[in-house]
Amino acid sequence: MDLRQIEYFLAVVDHGGVTRAAWAIRVAQPSVSQALRAMERDLGVELFHRTGRGVVLTPAGRALVEPARQVLADASTARAAVVDVAGLAAGRLDVAAHAALMMDPLLPAVVELRRRYPGVAVRILEPRDDEDTARLLRSGRCELALAYLPVPDAGVPVRELGVHELYAVLPPDADVPDGPLPLKALDGVPIIGVHGPGALRTVVVSALRDAGAAMPRGVVTRHREAVVPMVMAGAGAAFVTRWYADEAARRGAVVRSLDPPLGCAYALLRPSGRLSPAAQVLVGLLEPDS
């Protein structure tokens, strides 16, 4: 069993089939199929059930997934150690971050990393939920992650980086007073909800309850980029971080800070042990005072 076979195996797992995996990693489909068969011969077990609709992991295949990810992660770290000697001339860094944290603080740090080391590619994955953030780290699919606190069952070191203040964004014709907006003033206004970090949702729900403000659910979406257009179209109000609030204001939405202010702390998550050189640089950019 070699690294190429492991890479092909995980590609089939992640993309749900041999054809999609071959397309994603730019390898001929017969090469992927042959590598999987050779891997199964080497291990003496079937890793996939072949069905008319594709492939399904066998129990042995499921047991191999996380160790296989760790093998690739270790190999990536080993390669990165060599790259370190060459001055970070190449390599790839995988990071997990929710959309709001991708825009701030991750985006400026990644831009600076790429400016210094243009040969290093960065892949950013958005977790499905808070639990998925820790899973991505523990499985080796990502080397670093940014998440709002608290992170349930993180299982890895967590370092708080800062706090994101939340703002209310309302349609352009919203009749609200100037200055910081009391949450009670939003009583009865439909809210646009976003599937994502549970900590942000908890902060908003708790603050609305304490203020005695009931905001009926208007729209719920997984597409954070659709929130501002929906507000502009009059679908309701939303609570967003500063980057999205500035974008909404540029489009003409009514944006207000809140009274009392609402905020949610965010943190950097990293596995124990040695980081790749690229990850070390990114950590230094995210933690300038450490």
C-alpha atoms as a PDB file:
ATOM      1  CA  MET A   1       0.000   0.000   0.000  1.00  0.00           C
ATOM      2  CA  ASP A   2       1.520   3.338  -1.061  1.00  0.00           C
ATOM      3  CA  LEU A   3       0.619   7.013  -0.700  1.00  0.00           C
ATOM      4  CA  ARG A   4      -0.838   7.180  -4.209  1.00  0.00           C
ATOM      5  CA  GLN A   5      -3.259   4.357  -3.423  1.00  0.00           C
ATOM      6  CA  ILE A   6      -4.249   6.027  -0.148  1.00  0.00           C
ATOM      7  CA  GLU A   7      -4.856   9.320  -1.950  1.00  0.00           C
ATOM      8  CA  TYR A   8      -7.067   7.605  -4.542  1.00  0.00           C
ATOM      9  CA  PHE A   9      -8.943   5.696  -1.820  1.00  0.00           C
ATOM     10  CA  LEU A  10      -9.742   8.906   0.087  1.00  0.00           C
ATOM     11  CA  ALA A  11     -10.694  10.699  -3.113  1.00  0.00           C
ATOM     12  CA  VAL A  12     -13.306   8.014  -3.808  1.00  0.00           C
ATOM     13  CA  VAL A  13     -14.560   8.307  -0.216  1.00  0.00           C
ATOM     14  CA  ASP A  14     -14.754  12.114  -0.315  1.00  0.00           C
ATOM     15  CA  HIS A  15     -16.317  12.380  -3.768  1.00  0.00           C
ATOM     16  CA  GLY A  16     -18.679   9.440  -3.516  1.00  0.00           C
ATOM     17  CA  GLY A  17     -17.524   7.416  -6.495  1.00  0.00           C
ATOM     18  CA  VAL A  18     -14.652   6.437  -8.760  1.00  0.00           C
ATOM     19  CA  THR A  19     -15.686   8.614 -11.686  1.00  0.00           C
ATOM     20  CA  ARG A  20     -16.127  11.776  -9.602  1.00  0.00           C
ATOM     21  CA  ALA A  21     -12.886  11.082  -7.730  1.00  0.00           C
ATOM     22  CA  ALA A  22     -10.930  10.623 -10.951  1.00  0.00           C
ATOM     23  CA  TRP A  23     -12.300  13.895 -12.306  1.00  0.00           C
ATOM     24  CA  ALA A  24     -11.529  15.771  -9.070  1.00  0.00           C
ATOM     25  CA  ILE A  25      -7.896  14.633  -8.852  1.00  0.00           C
ATOM     26  CA  ARG A  26      -7.365  14.746 -12.634  1.00  0.00           C
ATOM     27  CA  VAL A  27      -6.474  11.080 -13.028  1.00  0.00           C
ATOM     28  CA  ALA A  28      -7.848   8.595 -15.563  1.00  0.00           C
ATOM     29  CA  GLN A  29     -10.684   6.515 -14.115  1.00  0.00           C
ATOM     30  CA  PRO A  30      -9.033   3.151 -14.923  1.00  0.00           C
ATOM     31  CA  SER A  31      -5.953   4.247 -12.945  1.00  0.00           C
ATOM     32  CA  VAL A  32      -8.087   4.913  -9.856  1.00  0.00           C
ATOM     33  CA  SER A  33      -9.934   1.591 -10.213  1.00  0.00           C
ATOM     34  CA  GLN A  34      -6.678  -0.341 -10.651  1.00  0.00           C
ATOM     35  CA  ALA A  35      -5.107   1.357  -7.630  1.00  0.00           C
ATOM     36  CA  LEU A  36      -8.113   0.440  -5.467  1.00  0.00           C
ATOM     37  CA  ARG A  37      -7.992  -3.206  -6.562  1.00  0.00           C
ATOM     38  CA  ALA A  38      -4.254  -3.349  -5.854  1.00  0.00           C
ATOM     39  CA  MET A  39      -4.844  -1.832  -2.436  1.00  0.00           C
ATOM     40  CA  GLU A  40      -7.516  -4.408  -1.641  1.00  0.00           C
ATOM     41  CA  ARG A  41      -5.180  -7.222  -2.743  1.00  0.00           C
ATOM     42  CA  ASP A  42      -2.403  -5.862  -0.520  1.00  0.00           C
ATOM     43  CA  LEU A  43      -4.727  -5.644   2.499  1.00  0.00           C
ATOM     44  CA  GLY A  44      -6.592  -8.868   1.784  1.00  0.00           C
ATOM     45  CA  VAL A  45     -10.024  -7.242   2.241  1.00  0.00           C
ATOM     46  CA  GLU A  46     -12.644  -5.483   0.176  1.00  0.00           C
ATOM     47  CA  LEU A  47     -12.792  -1.755   0.883  1.00  0.00           C
ATOM     48  CA  PHE A  48     -15.896  -1.020  -1.214  1.00  0.00           C
ATOM     49  CA  HIS A  49     -19.060  -2.810  -2.210  1.00  0.00           C
ATOM     50  CA  ARG A  50     -19.517  -2.277  -5.942  1.00  0.00           C
ATOM     51  CA  THR A  51     -23.166  -1.520  -6.728  1.00  0.00           C
ATOM     52  CA  GLY A  52     -25.016  -0.471  -9.822  1.00  0.00           C
ATOM     53  CA  ARG A  53     -25.047   3.109  -8.547  1.00  0.00           C
ATOM     54  CA  GLY A  54     -21.406   3.336  -7.506  1.00  0.00           C
ATOM     55  CA  VAL A  55     -19.409   2.194  -4.481  1.00  0.00           C
ATOM     56  CA  VAL A  56     -20.205   1.892  -0.768  1.00  0.00           C
ATOM     57  CA  LEU A  57     -17.619   1.490   1.969  1.00  0.00           C
ATOM     58  CA  THR A  58     -17.398  -1.917   3.620  1.00  0.00           C
ATOM     59  CA  PRO A  59     -16.788  -2.089   7.394  1.00  0.00           C
ATOM     60  CA  ALA A  60     -13.083  -2.563   6.630  1.00  0.00           C
ATOM     61  CA  GLY A  61     -13.156   0.484   4.367  1.00  0.00           C
ATOM     62  CA  ARG A  62     -14.802   2.620   7.042  1.00  0.00           C
ATOM     63  CA  ALA A  63     -12.159   1.519   9.547  1.00  0.00           C
ATOM     64  CA  LEU A  64      -9.410   2.604   7.155  1.00  0.00           C
ATOM     65  CA  VAL A  65     -10.649   6.160   6.490  1.00  0.00           C
ATOM     66  CA  GLU A  66      -9.271   8.008   9.526  1.00  0.00           C
ATOM     67  CA  PRO A  67      -5.906   6.144   9.623  1.00  0.00           C
ATOM     68  CA  ALA A  68      -5.536   6.856   5.897  1.00  0.00           C
ATOM     69  CA  ARG A  69      -6.154  10.568   6.454  1.00  0.00           C
ATOM     70  CA  GLN A  70      -3.548  10.566   9.209  1.00  0.00           C
ATOM     71  CA  VAL A  71      -1.012   8.883   6.921  1.00  0.00           C
ATOM     72  CA  LEU A  72      -1.525  11.600   4.280  1.00  0.00           C
ATOM     73  CA  ALA A  73      -1.337  14.323   6.925  1.00  0.00           C
ATOM     74  CA  ASP A  74       1.939  12.895   8.252  1.00  0.00           C
ATOM     75  CA  ALA A  75       3.321  12.639   4.739  1.00  0.00           C
ATOM     76  CA  SER A  76       2.331  16.255   4.085  1.00  0.00           C
ATOM     77  CA  THR A  77       4.113  17.357   7.252  1.00  0.00           C
ATOM     78  CA  ALA A  78       7.211  15.404   6.239  1.00  0.00           C
ATOM     79  CA  ARG A  79       7.210  16.992   2.796  1.00  0.00           C
ATOM     80  CA  ALA A  80       6.683  20.387   4.374  1.00  0.00           C
ATOM     81  CA  ALA A  81       9.733  19.893   6.571  1.00  0.00           C
ATOM     82  CA  VAL A  82      11.803  19.486   3.425  1.00  0.00           C
ATOM     83  CA  VAL A  83      10.076  22.477   1.862  1.00  0.00           C
ATOM     84  CA  ASP A  84      10.987  24.450   4.959  1.00  0.00           C
ATOM     85  CA  VAL A  85      14.656  24.029   4.098  1.00  0.00           C
ATOM     86  CA  ALA A  86      13.913  25.284   0.584  1.00  0.00           C
ATOM     87  CA  GLY A  87      12.179  28.401   1.934  1.00  0.00           C
ATOM     88  CA  LEU A  88       8.514  27.370   1.559  1.00  0.00           C
ATOM     89  CA  ALA A  89       8.814  27.233  -2.198  1.00  0.00           C
ATOM     90  CA  ALA A  90       5.845  24.862  -2.507  1.00  0.00           C
ATOM     91  CA  GLY A  91       3.262  22.947  -0.526  1.00  0.00           C
ATOM     92  CA  ARG A  92      -0.379  23.125   0.532  1.00  0.00           C
ATOM     93  CA  LEU A  93      -2.094  24.171   3.737  1.00  0.00           C
ATOM     94  CA  ASP A  94      -5.642  23.047   4.593  1.00  0.00           C
ATOM     95  CA  VAL A  95      -7.644  25.244   6.992  1.00  0.00           C
ATOM     96  CA  ALA A  96     -11.214  24.944   8.293  1.00  0.00           C
ATOM     97  CA  ALA A  97     -13.208  28.101   9.012  1.00  0.00           C
ATOM     98  CA  HIS A  98     -16.805  29.263   9.042  1.00  0.00           C
ATOM     99  CA  ALA A  99     -17.625  31.947   6.474  1.00  0.00           C
ATOM    100  CA  ALA A 100     -17.556  34.913   8.853  1.00  0.00           C
ATOM    101  CA  LEU A 101     -14.174  33.876  10.246  1.00  0.00           C
ATOM    102  CA  MET A 102     -12.860  33.259   6.756  1.00  0.00           C
ATOM    103  CA  MET A 103     -13.415  36.928   5.921  1.00  0.00           C
ATOM    104  CA  ASP A 104     -11.951  38.120   9.231  1.00  0.00           C
ATOM    105  CA  PRO A 105      -9.346  37.279  10.484  1.00  0.00           C
ATOM    106  CA  LEU A 106      -8.376  34.443   8.102  1.00  0.00           C
ATOM    107  CA  LEU A 107      -8.500  36.232   4.743  1.00  0.00           C
ATOM    108  CA  PRO A 108      -5.900  38.955   5.520  1.00  0.00           C
ATOM    109  CA  ALA A 109      -3.572  36.345   7.039  1.00  0.00           C
ATOM    110  CA  VAL A 110      -3.883  34.041   4.017  1.00  0.00           C
ATOM    111  CA  VAL A 111      -3.263  36.943   1.620  1.00  0.00           C
ATOM    112  CA  GLU A 112      -0.082  37.833   3.524  1.00  0.00           C
ATOM    113  CA  LEU A 113       1.017  34.195   3.582  1.00  0.00           C
ATOM    114  CA  ARG A 114       0.532  33.966  -0.181  1.00  0.00           C
ATOM    115  CA  ARG A 115       2.361  37.260  -0.703  1.00  0.00           C
ATOM    116  CA  ARG A 116       5.395  35.963   1.161  1.00  0.00           C
ATOM    117  CA  TYR A 117       5.274  32.418  -0.208  1.00  0.00           C
ATOM    118  CA  PRO A 118       3.388  32.355  -3.537  1.00  0.00           C
ATOM    119  CA  GLY A 119       4.283  28.702  -4.071  1.00  0.00           C
ATOM    120  CA  VAL A 120       2.136  27.621  -1.115  1.00  0.00           C
ATOM    121  CA  ALA A 121      -1.485  26.822  -1.980  1.00  0.00           C
ATOM    122  CA  VAL A 122      -4.163  27.273   0.692  1.00  0.00           C
ATOM    123  CA  ARG A 123      -7.412  25.310   0.743  1.00  0.00           C
ATOM    124  CA  ILE A 124     -10.190  26.564   3.035  1.00  0.00           C
ATOM    125  CA  LEU A 125     -13.010  24.209   4.015  1.00  0.00           C
ATOM    126  CA  GLU A 126     -16.234  25.385   5.649  1.00  0.00           C
ATOM    127  CA  PRO A 127     -17.417  22.961   8.364  1.00  0.00           C
ATOM    128  CA  ARG A 128     -21.039  21.856   8.400  1.00  0.00           C
ATOM    129  CA  ASP A 129     -21.306  22.655  12.108  1.00  0.00           C
ATOM    130  CA  ASP A 130     -19.196  23.151  15.223  1.00  0.00           C
ATOM    131  CA  GLU A 131     -18.650  19.422  15.755  1.00  0.00           C
ATOM    132  CA  ASP A 132     -17.437  19.090  12.161  1.00  0.00           C
ATOM    133  CA  THR A 133     -14.669  21.605  12.875  1.00  0.00           C
ATOM    134  CA  ALA A 134     -13.039  19.309  15.416  1.00  0.00           C
ATOM    135  CA  ARG A 135     -13.613  16.274  13.196  1.00  0.00           C
ATOM    136  CA  LEU A 136     -11.759  17.909  10.308  1.00  0.00           C
ATOM    137  CA  LEU A 137      -8.759  18.487  12.565  1.00  0.00           C
ATOM    138  CA  ARG A 138      -8.749  15.093  14.248  1.00  0.00           C
ATOM    139  CA  SER A 139      -9.080  13.274  10.911  1.00  0.00           C
ATOM    140  CA  GLY A 140      -6.131  15.156   9.415  1.00  0.00           C
ATOM    141  CA  ARG A 141      -8.166  16.759   6.627  1.00  0.00           C
ATOM    142  CA  CYS A 142      -7.231  20.201   7.992  1.00  0.00           C
ATOM    143  CA  GLU A 143      -4.162  21.318   9.897  1.00  0.00           C
ATOM    144  CA  LEU A 144      -5.688  24.443  11.482  1.00  0.00           C
ATOM    145  CA  ALA A 145      -9.195  25.712  12.167  1.00  0.00           C
ATOM    146  CA  LEU A 146     -10.944  28.882  13.265  1.00  0.00           C
ATOM    147  CA  ALA A 147     -14.156  28.565  15.261  1.00  0.00           C
ATOM    148  CA  TYR A 148     -16.449  30.522  17.560  1.00  0.00           C
ATOM    149  CA  LEU A 149     -16.336  29.674  21.244  1.00  0.00           C
ATOM    150  CA  PRO A 150     -17.254  27.457  22.878  1.00  0.00           C
ATOM    151  CA  VAL A 151     -16.299  24.564  20.603  1.00  0.00           C
ATOM    152  CA  PRO A 152     -18.000  21.385  21.878  1.00  0.00           C
ATOM    153  CA  ASP A 153     -15.647  18.436  22.409  1.00  0.00           C
ATOM    154  CA  ALA A 154     -12.779  20.095  20.556  1.00  0.00           C
ATOM    155  CA  GLY A 155     -10.225  17.523  21.691  1.00  0.00           C
ATOM    156  CA  VAL A 156      -7.391  19.803  20.485  1.00  0.00           C
ATOM    157  CA  PRO A 157      -5.648  22.900  21.909  1.00  0.00           C
ATOM    158  CA  VAL A 158      -7.768  26.070  21.622  1.00  0.00           C
ATOM    159  CA  ARG A 159      -6.384  29.627  21.745  1.00  0.00           C
ATOM    160  CA  GLU A 160      -8.771  32.599  21.848  1.00  0.00           C
ATOM    161  CA  LEU A 161      -7.901  35.253  19.255  1.00  0.00           C
ATOM    162  CA  GLY A 162     -10.558  37.943  19.608  1.00  0.00           C
ATOM    163  CA  VAL A 163     -14.233  38.864  19.622  1.00  0.00           C
ATOM    164  CA  HIS A 164     -16.569  39.569  16.711  1.00  0.00           C
ATOM    165  CA  GLU A 165     -19.179  42.237  17.425  1.00  0.00           C
ATOM    166  CA  LEU A 166     -22.612  41.605  15.918  1.00  0.00           C
ATOM    167  CA  TYR A 167     -24.687  44.197  14.052  1.00  0.00           C
ATOM    168  CA  ALA A 168     -28.336  44.361  13.018  1.00  0.00           C
ATOM    169  CA  VAL A 169     -28.892  44.673   9.267  1.00  0.00           C
ATOM    170  CA  LEU A 170     -32.344  45.780   8.098  1.00  0.00           C
ATOM    171  CA  PRO A 171     -33.990  46.624   4.742  1.00  0.00           C
ATOM    172  CA  PRO A 172     -33.318  50.102   3.286  1.00  0.00           C
ATOM    173  CA  ASP A 173     -36.816  51.352   4.216  1.00  0.00           C
ATOM    174  CA  ALA A 174     -36.631  50.179   7.851  1.00  0.00           C
ATOM    175  CA  ASP A 175     -37.970  52.787  10.274  1.00  0.00           C
ATOM    176  CA  VAL A 176     -35.540  52.561  13.177  1.00  0.00           C
ATOM    177  CA  PRO A 177     -33.870  55.310  15.224  1.00  0.00           C
ATOM    178  CA  ASP A 178     -30.286  56.416  14.692  1.00  0.00           C
ATOM    179  CA  GLY A 179     -27.562  55.171  16.988  1.00  0.00           C
ATOM    180  CA  PRO A 180     -27.215  51.838  18.793  1.00  0.00           C
ATOM    181  CA  LEU A 181     -30.424  49.854  18.474  1.00  0.00           C
ATOM    182  CA  PRO A 182     -32.126  48.277  21.504  1.00  0.00           C
ATOM    183  CA  LEU A 183     -33.059  44.688  20.743  1.00  0.00           C
ATOM    184  CA  LYS A 184     -36.601  45.404  21.938  1.00  0.00           C
ATOM    185  CA  ALA A 185     -36.988  47.638  18.865  1.00  0.00           C
ATOM    186  CA  LEU A 186     -36.741  44.481  16.726  1.00  0.00           C
ATOM    187  CA  ASP A 187     -39.733  42.816  18.387  1.00  0.00           C
ATOM    188  CA  GLY A 188     -41.950  41.349  15.661  1.00  0.00           C
ATOM    189  CA  VAL A 189     -39.404  41.865  12.835  1.00  0.00           C
ATOM    190  CA  PRO A 190     -38.808  38.638  10.854  1.00  0.00           C
ATOM    191  CA  ILE A 191     -35.285  37.254  11.249  1.00  0.00           C
ATOM    192  CA  ILE A 192     -33.138  35.683   8.549  1.00  0.00           C
ATOM    193  CA  GLY A 193     -31.310  32.748  10.098  1.00  0.00           C
ATOM    194  CA  VAL A 194     -28.136  31.087   8.857  1.00  0.00           C
ATOM    195  CA  HIS A 195     -27.115  27.504   9.505  1.00  0.00           C
ATOM    196  CA  GLY A 196     -23.598  27.661  10.888  1.00  0.00           C
ATOM    197  CA  PRO A 197     -21.747  28.339  14.120  1.00  0.00           C
ATOM    198  CA  GLY A 198     -23.970  27.412  17.050  1.00  0.00           C
ATOM    199  CA  ALA A 199     -22.203  29.907  19.308  1.00  0.00           C
ATOM    200  CA  LEU A 200     -23.352  32.887  17.228  1.00  0.00           C
ATOM    201  CA  ARG A 201     -26.921  31.643  17.220  1.00  0.00           C
ATOM    202  CA  THR A 202     -26.819  31.062  20.976  1.00  0.00           C
ATOM    203  CA  VAL A 203     -25.619  34.625  21.624  1.00  0.00           C
ATOM    204  CA  VAL A 204     -28.436  36.126  19.533  1.00  0.00           C
ATOM    205  CA  VAL A 205     -31.196  33.884  20.894  1.00  0.00           C
ATOM    206  CA  SER A 206     -30.139  34.508  24.488  1.00  0.00           C
ATOM    207  CA  ALA A 207     -29.949  38.285  24.001  1.00  0.00           C
ATOM    208  CA  LEU A 208     -33.380  38.446  22.327  1.00  0.00           C
ATOM    209  CA  ARG A 209     -34.900  36.409  25.136  1.00  0.00           C
ATOM    210  CA  ASP A 210     -33.345  38.645  27.804  1.00  0.00           C
ATOM    211  CA  ALA A 211     -34.631  41.733  25.990  1.00  0.00           C
ATOM    212  CA  GLY A 212     -38.142  40.328  25.615  1.00  0.00           C
ATOM    213  CA  ALA A 213     -37.946  40.650  21.832  1.00  0.00           C
ATOM    214  CA  ALA A 214     -39.655  37.980  19.724  1.00  0.00           C
ATOM    215  CA  MET A 215     -38.413  37.854  16.115  1.00  0.00           C
ATOM    216  CA  PRO A 216     -40.408  35.345  14.049  1.00  0.00           C
ATOM    217  CA  ARG A 217     -38.368  33.162  11.733  1.00  0.00           C
ATOM    218  CA  GLY A 218     -38.562  34.491   8.186  1.00  0.00           C
ATOM    219  CA  VAL A 219     -35.949  32.605   6.169  1.00  0.00           C
ATOM    220  CA  VAL A 220     -33.318  30.022   7.141  1.00  0.00           C
ATOM    221  CA  THR A 221     -30.451  29.345   4.730  1.00  0.00           C
ATOM    222  CA  ARG A 222     -27.052  27.728   4.538  1.00  0.00           C
ATOM    223  CA  HIS A 223     -25.944  30.331   1.995  1.00  0.00           C
ATOM    224  CA  ARG A 224     -24.451  33.174   4.021  1.00  0.00           C
ATOM    225  CA  GLU A 225     -23.758  35.136   0.843  1.00  0.00           C
ATOM    226  CA  ALA A 226     -27.543  35.305   0.268  1.00  0.00           C
ATOM    227  CA  VAL A 227     -28.302  37.004   3.591  1.00  0.00           C
ATOM    228  CA  VAL A 228     -27.598  40.606   2.543  1.00  0.00           C
ATOM    229  CA  PRO A 229     -29.555  40.307  -0.754  1.00  0.00           C
ATOM    230  CA  MET A 230     -32.517  38.865   1.193  1.00  0.00           C
ATOM    231  CA  VAL A 231     -32.372  41.753   3.655  1.00  0.00           C
ATOM    232  CA  MET A 232     -32.228  44.217   0.751  1.00  0.00           C
ATOM    233  CA  ALA A 233     -35.303  42.529  -0.766  1.00  0.00           C
ATOM    234  CA  GLY A 234     -37.244  43.003   2.477  1.00  0.00           C
ATOM    235  CA  ALA A 235     -37.287  39.379   3.664  1.00  0.00           C
ATOM    236  CA  GLY A 236     -36.328  40.360   7.198  1.00  0.00           C
ATOM    237  CA  ALA A 237     -33.459  41.478   9.404  1.00  0.00           C
ATOM    238  CA  ALA A 238     -30.222  39.653  10.189  1.00  0.00           C
ATOM    239  CA  PHE A 239     -27.419  39.702  12.731  1.00  0.00           C
ATOM    240  CA  VAL A 240     -23.989  39.724  11.101  1.00  0.00           C
ATOM    241  CA  THR A 241     -20.337  40.381  11.859  1.00  0.00           C
ATOM    242  CA  ARG A 242     -18.533  43.594  10.885  1.00  0.00           C
ATOM    243  CA  TRP A 243     -17.386  42.482   7.412  1.00  0.00           C
ATOM    244  CA  TYR A 244     -20.921  41.589   6.331  1.00  0.00           C
ATOM    245  CA  ALA A 245     -22.327  44.708   8.008  1.00  0.00           C
ATOM    246  CA  ASP A 246     -19.978  46.914   5.972  1.00  0.00           C
ATOM    247  CA  GLU A 247     -20.981  45.084   2.788  1.00  0.00           C
ATOM    248  CA  ALA A 248     -24.669  45.574   3.616  1.00  0.00           C
ATOM    249  CA  ALA A 249     -24.150  49.287   4.280  1.00  0.00           C
ATOM    250  CA  ARG A 250     -22.439  49.694   0.897  1.00  0.00           C
ATOM    251  CA  ARG A 251     -25.537  48.200  -0.741  1.00  0.00           C
ATOM    252  CA  GLY A 252     -27.858  50.600   1.068  1.00  0.00           C
ATOM    253  CA  ALA A 253     -29.124  48.492   3.946  1.00  0.00           C
ATOM    254  CA  VAL A 254     -29.795  50.024   7.357  1.00  0.00           C
ATOM    255  CA  VAL A 255     -27.031  48.891   9.701  1.00  0.00           C
ATOM    256  CA  ARG A 256     -27.054  49.470  13.451  1.00  0.00           C
ATOM    257  CA  SER A 257     -24.832  48.462  16.327  1.00  0.00           C
ATOM    258  CA  LEU A 258     -26.753  47.015  19.244  1.00  0.00           C
ATOM    259  CA  ASP A 259     -27.577  48.227  22.743  1.00  0.00           C
ATOM    260  CA  PRO A 260     -26.233  46.457  24.699  1.00  0.00           C
ATOM    261  CA  PRO A 261     -23.462  45.306  22.327  1.00  0.00           C
ATOM    262  CA  LEU A 262     -23.414  41.657  21.300  1.00  0.00           C
ATOM    263  CA  GLY A 263     -20.203  39.776  20.658  1.00  0.00           C
ATOM    264  CA  CYS A 264     -18.875  36.257  20.245  1.00  0.00           C
ATOM    265  CA  ALA A 265     -15.299  35.154  20.931  1.00  0.00           C
ATOM    266  CA  TYR A 266     -13.418  33.171  18.299  1.00  0.00           C
ATOM    267  CA  ALA A 267     -10.349  30.971  18.550  1.00  0.00           C
ATOM    268  CA  LEU A 268      -7.631  29.125  16.689  1.00  0.00           C
ATOM    269  CA  LEU A 269      -7.694  25.335  16.934  1.00  0.00           C
ATOM    270  CA  ARG A 270      -4.638  23.252  16.143  1.00  0.00           C
ATOM    271  CA  PRO A 271      -3.652  19.653  16.764  1.00  0.00           C
ATOM    272  CA  SER A 272      -0.909  18.816  19.212  1.00  0.00           C
ATOM    273  CA  GLY A 273       2.509  18.176  17.747  1.00  0.00           C
ATOM    274  CA  ARG A 274       4.617  19.757  15.059  1.00  0.00           C
ATOM    275  CA  LEU A 275       2.954  21.997  12.489  1.00  0.00           C
ATOM    276  CA  SER A 276       4.023  22.240   8.874  1.00  0.00           C
ATOM    277  CA  PRO A 277       6.100  25.325   8.008  1.00  0.00           C
ATOM    278  CA  ALA A 278       3.166  26.950   6.198  1.00  0.00           C
ATOM    279  CA  ALA A 279       0.899  26.387   9.208  1.00  0.00           C
ATOM    280  CA  GLN A 280       3.544  27.869  11.480  1.00  0.00           C
ATOM    281  CA  VAL A 281       3.636  31.022   9.357  1.00  0.00           C
ATOM    282  CA  LEU A 282      -0.158  31.325   9.356  1.00  0.00           C
ATOM    283  CA  VAL A 283      -0.311  30.861  13.137  1.00  0.00           C
ATOM    284  CA  GLY A 284       2.246  33.643  13.502  1.00  0.00           C
ATOM    285  CA  LEU A 285       0.094  35.935  11.351  1.00  0.00           C
ATOM    286  CA  LEU A 286      -3.048  35.112  13.323  1.00  0.00           C
ATOM    287  CA  GLU A 287      -1.284  35.409  16.692  1.00  0.00           C
ATOM    288  CA  PRO A 288       1.062  38.383  16.164  1.00  0.00           C
ATOM    289  CA  ASP A 289       1.531  38.920  19.910  1.00  0.00           C
ATOM    290  CA  SER A 290       2.222  35.288  20.832  1.00  0.00           C
END
